[in-house]
C-alpha atoms as a PDB file:
ATOM      1  CA  MET A   1       0.000   0.000   0.000  1.00  0.00           C
ATOM      2  CA  ASP A   2       1.581   3.273  -1.134  1.00  0.00           C
ATOM      3  CA  PHE A   3       1.228   6.588   0.659  1.00  0.00           C
ATOM      4  CA  PRO A   4       0.487   9.782  -1.212  1.00  0.00           C
ATOM      5  CA  PRO A   5       3.372  12.287  -0.936  1.00  0.00           C
ATOM      6  CA  LEU A   6       4.073  12.988   2.739  1.00  0.00           C
ATOM      7  CA  THR A   7       5.145  16.208   4.447  1.00  0.00           C
ATOM      8  CA  LYS A   8       7.276  16.129   7.588  1.00  0.00           C
ATOM      9  CA  GLY A   9       6.402  18.128  10.669  1.00  0.00           C
ATOM     10  CA  ALA A  10       6.729  18.301  14.444  1.00  0.00           C
ATOM     11  CA  LEU A  11       3.820  17.314  16.665  1.00  0.00           C
ATOM     12  CA  ARG A  12       2.688  20.016  19.056  1.00  0.00           C
ATOM     13  CA  ARG A  13      -0.347  18.324  20.577  1.00  0.00           C
ATOM     14  CA  ARG A  14      -3.196  15.890  19.932  1.00  0.00           C
ATOM     15  CA  TYR A  15      -6.579  16.944  21.295  1.00  0.00           C
ATOM     16  CA  LYS A  16     -10.284  16.144  21.069  1.00  0.00           C
ATOM     17  CA  ARG A  17      -9.115  12.716  19.893  1.00  0.00           C
ATOM     18  CA  PHE A  18      -9.299  13.483  16.174  1.00  0.00           C
ATOM     19  CA  LEU A  19      -7.255  16.713  15.984  1.00  0.00           C
ATOM     20  CA  ALA A  20      -3.519  17.374  16.037  1.00  0.00           C
ATOM     21  CA  ASP A  21      -1.525  20.580  15.804  1.00  0.00           C
ATOM     22  CA  VAL A  22       1.620  20.105  13.728  1.00  0.00           C
ATOM     23  CA  VAL A  23       4.367  22.546  12.726  1.00  0.00           C
ATOM     24  CA  LEU A  24       5.445  21.782   9.174  1.00  0.00           C
ATOM     25  CA  ALA A  25       9.186  21.327   8.730  1.00  0.00           C
ATOM     26  CA  GLU A  26       9.244  23.674   5.746  1.00  0.00           C
ATOM     27  CA  GLY A  27       8.193  27.207   6.588  1.00  0.00           C
ATOM     28  CA  GLU A  28       7.297  26.422  10.215  1.00  0.00           C
ATOM     29  CA  GLN A  29       3.594  26.748   9.410  1.00  0.00           C
ATOM     30  CA  LEU A  30       1.227  25.505  12.125  1.00  0.00           C
ATOM     31  CA  VAL A  31      -1.553  23.330  10.710  1.00  0.00           C
ATOM     32  CA  CYS A  32      -4.434  21.419  12.257  1.00  0.00           C
ATOM     33  CA  ALA A  33      -4.453  17.829  10.971  1.00  0.00           C
ATOM     34  CA  HIS A  34      -6.996  15.044  11.177  1.00  0.00           C
ATOM     35  CA  CYS A  35      -5.871  12.290  13.556  1.00  0.00           C
ATOM     36  CA  PRO A  36      -7.458   9.088  12.184  1.00  0.00           C
ATOM     37  CA  ASN A  37      -7.211   7.020  15.354  1.00  0.00           C
ATOM     38  CA  THR A  38      -9.766   6.518  18.118  1.00  0.00           C
ATOM     39  CA  GLY A  39      -7.366   4.864  20.574  1.00  0.00           C
ATOM     40  CA  ALA A  40      -5.143   6.233  23.294  1.00  0.00           C
ATOM     41  CA  MET A  41      -2.139   6.057  20.913  1.00  0.00           C
ATOM     42  CA  THR A  42       0.103   5.185  23.841  1.00  0.00           C
ATOM     43  CA  GLY A  43       3.735   5.856  22.932  1.00  0.00           C
ATOM     44  CA  CYS A  44       2.767   7.297  19.551  1.00  0.00           C
ATOM     45  CA  GLN A  45       2.400  10.983  20.330  1.00  0.00           C
ATOM     46  CA  PRO A  46       5.793  12.166  21.628  1.00  0.00           C
ATOM     47  CA  ALA A  47       6.073  15.870  22.386  1.00  0.00           C
ATOM     48  CA  ASP A  48       7.644  17.635  19.397  1.00  0.00           C
ATOM     49  CA  GLY A  49       8.088  14.235  17.764  1.00  0.00           C
ATOM     50  CA  ALA A  50       8.605  13.895  14.015  1.00  0.00           C
ATOM     51  CA  VAL A  51       5.382  13.130  12.164  1.00  0.00           C
ATOM     52  CA  TRP A  52       4.389  12.876   8.510  1.00  0.00           C
ATOM     53  CA  LEU A  53       1.172  14.206   7.028  1.00  0.00           C
ATOM     54  CA  SER A  54      -0.664  13.648   3.763  1.00  0.00           C
ATOM     55  CA  PHE A  55      -2.400  16.554   2.017  1.00  0.00           C
ATOM     56  CA  HIS A  56      -5.905  16.319   0.565  1.00  0.00           C
ATOM     57  CA  PRO A  57      -7.176  19.734  -0.617  1.00  0.00           C
ATOM     58  CA  LYS A  58     -10.770  18.714  -1.297  1.00  0.00           C
ATOM     59  CA  PRO A  59     -13.667  21.136  -0.653  1.00  0.00           C
ATOM     60  CA  ALA A  60     -15.674  18.418   1.120  1.00  0.00           C
ATOM     61  CA  ARG A  61     -12.958  17.882   3.736  1.00  0.00           C
ATOM     62  CA  LYS A  62     -12.922  19.985   6.894  1.00  0.00           C
ATOM     63  CA  LEU A  63      -9.185  19.385   7.331  1.00  0.00           C
ATOM     64  CA  ALA A  64      -6.816  19.131   4.378  1.00  0.00           C
ATOM     65  CA  TRP A  65      -4.014  17.450   6.332  1.00  0.00           C
ATOM     66  CA  THR A  66      -4.059  13.884   7.696  1.00  0.00           C
ATOM     67  CA  TRP A  67      -1.569  12.481  10.181  1.00  0.00           C
ATOM     68  CA  GLU A  68      -0.112   9.210   8.848  1.00  0.00           C
ATOM     69  CA  LEU A  69       3.216   8.347  10.516  1.00  0.00           C
ATOM     70  CA  VAL A  70       5.130   9.137  13.696  1.00  0.00           C
ATOM     71  CA  GLN A  71       8.741   8.512  14.702  1.00  0.00           C
ATOM     72  CA  THR A  72       8.523   7.001  18.179  1.00  0.00           C
ATOM     73  CA  GLU A  73      11.438   6.379  20.526  1.00  0.00           C
ATOM     74  CA  THR A  74      11.716   2.829  19.188  1.00  0.00           C
ATOM     75  CA  GLY A  75      10.728   3.111  15.533  1.00  0.00           C
ATOM     76  CA  LEU A  76       8.358   4.324  12.865  1.00  0.00           C
ATOM     77  CA  ALA A  77       4.637   3.719  13.400  1.00  0.00           C
ATOM     78  CA  CYS A  78       1.520   4.306  11.327  1.00  0.00           C
ATOM     79  CA  ILE A  79      -1.281   5.783  13.422  1.00  0.00           C
ATOM     80  CA  HIS A  80      -3.851   5.826  10.572  1.00  0.00           C
ATOM     81  CA  ALA A  81      -5.797   2.868  11.922  1.00  0.00           C
ATOM     82  CA  ALA A  82      -8.087   2.392   8.919  1.00  0.00           C
ATOM     83  CA  LEU A  83      -5.090   1.684   6.684  1.00  0.00           C
ATOM     84  CA  ALA A  84      -4.670  -1.652   8.457  1.00  0.00           C
ATOM     85  CA  ASN A  85      -7.646  -2.963   6.474  1.00  0.00           C
ATOM     86  CA  ARG A  86      -6.008  -1.990   3.188  1.00  0.00           C
ATOM     87  CA  VAL A  87      -2.769  -3.670   4.205  1.00  0.00           C
ATOM     88  CA  VAL A  88      -4.558  -6.871   5.253  1.00  0.00           C
ATOM     89  CA  ALA A  89      -6.529  -6.901   1.991  1.00  0.00           C
ATOM     90  CA  GLU A  90      -3.245  -6.662   0.106  1.00  0.00           C
ATOM     91  CA  ALA A  91      -1.778  -9.506   2.171  1.00  0.00           C
ATOM     92  CA  LEU A  92      -4.826 -11.677   1.506  1.00  0.00           C
ATOM     93  CA  ARG A  93      -4.678 -11.072  -2.225  1.00  0.00           C
ATOM     94  CA  LYS A  94      -0.929 -11.785  -2.243  1.00  0.00           C
ATOM     95  CA  ARG A  95      -1.666 -15.032  -0.373  1.00  0.00           C
ATOM     96  CA  LEU A  96       0.454 -14.190   2.650  1.00  0.00           C
ATOM     97  CA  LEU A  97      -2.485 -15.619   4.606  1.00  0.00           C
ATOM     98  CA  PRO A  98      -3.282 -18.679   2.469  1.00  0.00           C
ATOM     99  CA  ASP A  99      -5.367 -20.365   5.182  1.00  0.00           C
ATOM    100  CA  LEU A 100      -7.741 -17.405   5.018  1.00  0.00           C
ATOM    101  CA  MET A 101      -7.671 -16.880   1.261  1.00  0.00           C
ATOM    102  CA  PRO A 102      -7.783 -20.223  -0.581  1.00  0.00           C
ATOM    103  CA  SER A 103      -7.081 -20.211  -4.290  1.00  0.00           C
ATOM    104  CA  GLY A 104     -10.122 -19.049  -6.245  1.00  0.00           C
ATOM    105  CA  ALA A 105     -11.887 -17.526  -3.239  1.00  0.00           C
ATOM    106  CA  SER A 106     -13.445 -14.061  -3.437  1.00  0.00           C
ATOM    107  CA  LEU A 107     -12.922 -11.294  -0.904  1.00  0.00           C
ATOM    108  CA  GLN A 108     -15.701  -8.970   0.234  1.00  0.00           C
ATOM    109  CA  SER A 109     -15.404  -6.024   2.612  1.00  0.00           C
ATOM    110  CA  GLU A 110     -17.815  -4.623   5.215  1.00  0.00           C
ATOM    111  CA  VAL A 111     -20.095  -7.684   5.283  1.00  0.00           C
ATOM    112  CA  ARG A 112     -22.880  -7.892   7.839  1.00  0.00           C
ATOM    113  CA  LEU A 113     -21.825  -9.992  10.816  1.00  0.00           C
ATOM    114  CA  ALA A 114     -24.512  -9.202  13.384  1.00  0.00           C
ATOM    115  CA  ASP A 115     -27.281  -6.706  14.006  1.00  0.00           C
ATOM    116  CA  ARG A 116     -25.741  -3.240  13.526  1.00  0.00           C
ATOM    117  CA  SER A 117     -22.308  -4.748  13.018  1.00  0.00           C
ATOM    118  CA  ARG A 118     -20.157  -5.649  10.023  1.00  0.00           C
ATOM    119  CA  ALA A 119     -17.022  -7.724   9.641  1.00  0.00           C
ATOM    120  CA  ASP A 120     -14.055  -6.093   7.963  1.00  0.00           C
ATOM    121  CA  PHE A 121     -13.874  -8.921   5.433  1.00  0.00           C
ATOM    122  CA  PHE A 122     -15.697 -12.050   4.338  1.00  0.00           C
ATOM    123  CA  VAL A 123     -13.995 -14.742   2.276  1.00  0.00           C
ATOM    124  CA  ASP A 124     -16.442 -16.698   0.159  1.00  0.00           C
ATOM    125  CA  SER A 125     -14.879 -20.128   0.569  1.00  0.00           C
ATOM    126  CA  GLY A 126     -16.471 -23.236   2.008  1.00  0.00           C
ATOM    127  CA  SER A 127     -18.807 -22.195   4.815  1.00  0.00           C
ATOM    128  CA  GLY A 128     -17.362 -18.675   4.631  1.00  0.00           C
ATOM    129  CA  ILE A 129     -14.720 -16.908   6.729  1.00  0.00           C
ATOM    130  CA  TYR A 130     -15.414 -13.715   8.667  1.00  0.00           C
ATOM    131  CA  ILE A 131     -12.290 -11.626   9.319  1.00  0.00           C
ATOM    132  CA  GLU A 132     -11.813  -8.801  11.794  1.00  0.00           C
ATOM    133  CA  VAL A 133      -8.709  -6.566  11.621  1.00  0.00           C
ATOM    134  CA  LYS A 134      -7.059  -4.764  14.524  1.00  0.00           C
ATOM    135  CA  SER A 135      -4.235  -2.257  14.129  1.00  0.00           C
ATOM    136  CA  VAL A 136      -1.432  -2.651  16.698  1.00  0.00           C
ATOM    137  CA  THR A 137       0.839   0.335  17.441  1.00  0.00           C
ATOM    138  CA  TRP A 138       1.479   0.070  21.186  1.00  0.00           C
ATOM    139  CA  HIS A 139       5.076  -1.037  21.724  1.00  0.00           C
ATOM    140  CA  VAL A 140       5.533  -1.985  25.381  1.00  0.00           C
ATOM    141  CA  GLY A 141       9.251  -2.741  25.067  1.00  0.00           C
ATOM    142  CA  ALA A 142      11.599  -5.547  23.978  1.00  0.00           C
ATOM    143  CA  GLY A 143       9.741  -5.938  20.692  1.00  0.00           C
ATOM    144  CA  LYS A 144       6.448  -6.684  22.424  1.00  0.00           C
ATOM    145  CA  GLY A 145       3.212  -5.121  21.184  1.00  0.00           C
ATOM    146  CA  ALA A 146      -0.109  -5.070  23.019  1.00  0.00           C
ATOM    147  CA  PHE A 147      -3.742  -4.551  22.082  1.00  0.00           C
ATOM    148  CA  PRO A 148      -5.843  -2.626  22.980  1.00  0.00           C
ATOM    149  CA  ASP A 149      -4.123   0.463  24.389  1.00  0.00           C
ATOM    150  CA  ALA A 150      -7.309   1.536  26.197  1.00  0.00           C
ATOM    151  CA  VAL A 151     -10.387  -0.264  27.478  1.00  0.00           C
ATOM    152  CA  SER A 152     -12.420  -1.264  24.427  1.00  0.00           C
ATOM    153  CA  THR A 153     -15.871  -2.721  24.895  1.00  0.00           C
ATOM    154  CA  ARG A 154     -16.212  -2.532  21.111  1.00  0.00           C
ATOM    155  CA  ALA A 155     -13.245  -4.875  20.614  1.00  0.00           C
ATOM    156  CA  SER A 156     -14.727  -7.358  23.098  1.00  0.00           C
ATOM    157  CA  LYS A 157     -18.076  -7.123  21.307  1.00  0.00           C
ATOM    158  CA  HIS A 158     -16.366  -8.025  18.037  1.00  0.00           C
ATOM    159  CA  LEU A 159     -14.949 -11.174  19.636  1.00  0.00           C
ATOM    160  CA  THR A 160     -18.412 -12.193  20.844  1.00  0.00           C
ATOM    161  CA  GLU A 161     -19.846 -11.670  17.354  1.00  0.00           C
ATOM    162  CA  LEU A 162     -17.076 -13.693  15.721  1.00  0.00           C
ATOM    163  CA  VAL A 163     -17.707 -16.584  18.121  1.00  0.00           C
ATOM    164  CA  ALA A 164     -21.419 -16.402  17.302  1.00  0.00           C
ATOM    165  CA  ALA A 165     -20.509 -16.766  13.624  1.00  0.00           C
ATOM    166  CA  ILE A 166     -18.492 -19.873  14.466  1.00  0.00           C
ATOM    167  CA  HIS A 167     -21.524 -21.322  16.233  1.00  0.00           C
ATOM    168  CA  ARG A 168     -23.528 -20.700  13.043  1.00  0.00           C
ATOM    169  CA  GLY A 169     -21.097 -22.914  11.146  1.00  0.00           C
ATOM    170  CA  HIS A 170     -18.681 -20.337   9.710  1.00  0.00           C
ATOM    171  CA  ARG A 171     -14.981 -19.852  10.283  1.00  0.00           C
ATOM    172  CA  ALA A 172     -13.896 -16.647  11.998  1.00  0.00           C
ATOM    173  CA  ALA A 173     -10.489 -15.002  12.232  1.00  0.00           C
ATOM    174  CA  LEU A 174      -8.842 -12.017  13.872  1.00  0.00           C
ATOM    175  CA  VAL A 175      -5.808 -10.447  12.196  1.00  0.00           C
ATOM    176  CA  PHE A 176      -3.548  -8.254  14.313  1.00  0.00           C
ATOM    177  CA  CYS A 177      -1.962  -5.936  11.753  1.00  0.00           C
ATOM    178  CA  VAL A 178       1.337  -4.707  13.214  1.00  0.00           C
ATOM    179  CA  MET A 179       1.769  -1.018  12.363  1.00  0.00           C
ATOM    180  CA  HIS A 180       4.942  -0.323  14.373  1.00  0.00           C
ATOM    181  CA  GLU A 181       8.293  -1.402  12.984  1.00  0.00           C
ATOM    182  CA  ALA A 182       9.720  -2.320  16.407  1.00  0.00           C
ATOM    183  CA  ILE A 183       6.956  -4.801  17.283  1.00  0.00           C
ATOM    184  CA  THR A 184       7.836  -8.467  16.761  1.00  0.00           C
ATOM    185  CA  SER A 185       5.139 -10.038  18.951  1.00  0.00           C
ATOM    186  CA  VAL A 186       1.636  -9.185  20.136  1.00  0.00           C
ATOM    187  CA  ALA A 187      -0.217  -9.995  23.349  1.00  0.00           C
ATOM    188  CA  PRO A 188      -3.662  -9.066  24.668  1.00  0.00           C
ATOM    189  CA  ALA A 189      -3.202  -6.025  26.928  1.00  0.00           C
ATOM    190  CA  GLU A 190      -4.404  -7.644  30.120  1.00  0.00           C
ATOM    191  CA  GLN A 191      -2.942  -4.823  32.205  1.00  0.00           C
ATOM    192  CA  VAL A 192      -5.196  -2.304  30.429  1.00  0.00           C
ATOM    193  CA  ASP A 193      -8.269  -4.326  29.466  1.00  0.00           C
ATOM    194  CA  PRO A 194      -8.464  -7.623  31.378  1.00  0.00           C
ATOM    195  CA  ALA A 195     -11.988  -8.201  30.049  1.00  0.00           C
ATOM    196  CA  TYR A 196     -10.679  -8.195  26.480  1.00  0.00           C
ATOM    197  CA  ALA A 197      -7.885 -10.598  27.382  1.00  0.00           C
ATOM    198  CA  GLY A 198     -10.437 -12.933  28.955  1.00  0.00           C
ATOM    199  CA  HIS A 199     -12.725 -12.708  25.939  1.00  0.00           C
ATOM    200  CA  MET A 200      -9.763 -13.445  23.670  1.00  0.00           C
ATOM    201  CA  ALA A 201      -8.862 -16.609  25.562  1.00  0.00           C
ATOM    202  CA  GLN A 202     -12.484 -17.801  25.476  1.00  0.00           C
ATOM    203  CA  ALA A 203     -12.911 -16.981  21.793  1.00  0.00           C
ATOM    204  CA  MET A 204      -9.767 -18.891  20.865  1.00  0.00           C
ATOM    205  CA  ALA A 205     -10.965 -21.847  22.909  1.00  0.00           C
ATOM    206  CA  GLU A 206     -14.193 -21.795  20.861  1.00  0.00           C
ATOM    207  CA  GLY A 207     -12.400 -21.787  17.530  1.00  0.00           C
ATOM    208  CA  LEU A 208     -11.410 -18.213  16.720  1.00  0.00           C
ATOM    209  CA  GLU A 209      -8.340 -18.197  14.479  1.00  0.00           C
ATOM    210  CA  VAL A 210      -5.788 -15.503  15.305  1.00  0.00           C
ATOM    211  CA  TYR A 211      -3.071 -14.290  12.933  1.00  0.00           C
ATOM    212  CA  LEU A 212      -0.290 -11.717  13.089  1.00  0.00           C
ATOM    213  CA  LEU A 213       0.640  -9.693  10.009  1.00  0.00           C
ATOM    214  CA  PHE A 214       4.041  -7.994   9.978  1.00  0.00           C
ATOM    215  CA  ASN A 215       4.792  -5.141   7.608  1.00  0.00           C
ATOM    216  CA  GLU A 216       7.587  -3.007   6.252  1.00  0.00           C
ATOM    217  CA  ILE A 217       6.812   0.609   7.142  1.00  0.00           C
ATOM    218  CA  ASN A 218       8.578   3.528   5.484  1.00  0.00           C
ATOM    219  CA  LEU A 219       7.842   6.976   4.032  1.00  0.00           C
ATOM    220  CA  LEU A 220       6.671   5.461   0.755  1.00  0.00           C
ATOM    221  CA  GLY A 221       4.079   3.075   2.154  1.00  0.00           C
ATOM    222  CA  ILE A 222       3.224   0.011   4.218  1.00  0.00           C
ATOM    223  CA  TYR A 223       4.003  -3.356   2.669  1.00  0.00           C
ATOM    224  CA  PRO A 224       2.955  -6.735   4.124  1.00  0.00           C
ATOM    225  CA  VAL A 225       5.950  -9.011   4.604  1.00  0.00           C
ATOM    226  CA  SER A 226       4.993 -12.074   6.625  1.00  0.00           C
ATOM    227  CA  ALA A 227       2.183 -13.604   8.640  1.00  0.00           C
ATOM    228  CA  ARG A 228       1.884 -16.149  11.404  1.00  0.00           C
ATOM    229  CA  TYR A 229      -1.005 -18.237  12.666  1.00  0.00           C
ATOM    230  CA  ILE A 230      -1.436 -18.401  16.433  1.00  0.00           C
ATOM    231  CA  GLY A 231      -2.525 -21.712  17.886  1.00  0.00           C
ATOM    232  CA  GLU A 232      -3.906 -22.464  21.310  1.00  0.00           C
ATOM    233  CA  ASN A 233      -1.983 -19.892  23.361  1.00  0.00           C
ATOM    234  CA  PRO A 234      -3.797 -16.549  23.717  1.00  0.00           C
ATOM    235  CA  SER A 235      -1.442 -15.153  26.368  1.00  0.00           C
ATOM    236  CA  PHE A 236       1.460 -14.332  24.069  1.00  0.00           C
ATOM    237  CA  LEU A 237       1.436 -14.211  20.302  1.00  0.00           C
ATOM    238  CA  THR A 238       4.986 -14.285  18.985  1.00  0.00           C
ATOM    239  CA  HIS A 239       6.660 -13.521  15.643  1.00  0.00           C
END
């Protein structure tokens, strides 16, 4: 997945969740950028840290700038959470996740999973495979990543809905898309959201398939490199 041309800046502050003040490196102009991330972004908003923005001068947009990347203390990270879906779609089509994308299968996005809820993807193969994608940017040290970085009842709800799909006879999978170049493993963030960690363990016991997708991240784009299936151990998911 390629980025549009990016402009470097220095982060001044993130506020109201979806807004960020950034001083552009050229000209020292202060701009307000869209922050496309609903999470706490722990470790991904260093004071005066280097960030990269994309520019979209469309009349329909309230903010022309979008925050894409940040240089953290341990490596480059993409905070644009929705891009994880595009990266996973690319990995599926390139057959980096062959167990989820058998030869000849078709891939659909935003397919109804439950009442008022949709799965990120549905693979039309066999009984059908529902896929949920989660972007992981929280690096807790020593290459370890954790999800979520804040209490997320929505993430737990997604696990419950995926298990319900399994009970209806479908396959269901969760793909942790690693969006921080220093992360080499992922674990449920029990210290932040013990309920989610518990739901993860139960969902895996009931047949939820969990995968990790690792990516090359640079100023040109995000490129899926490798994937790993996680078996019976929900406590630590290792590269």
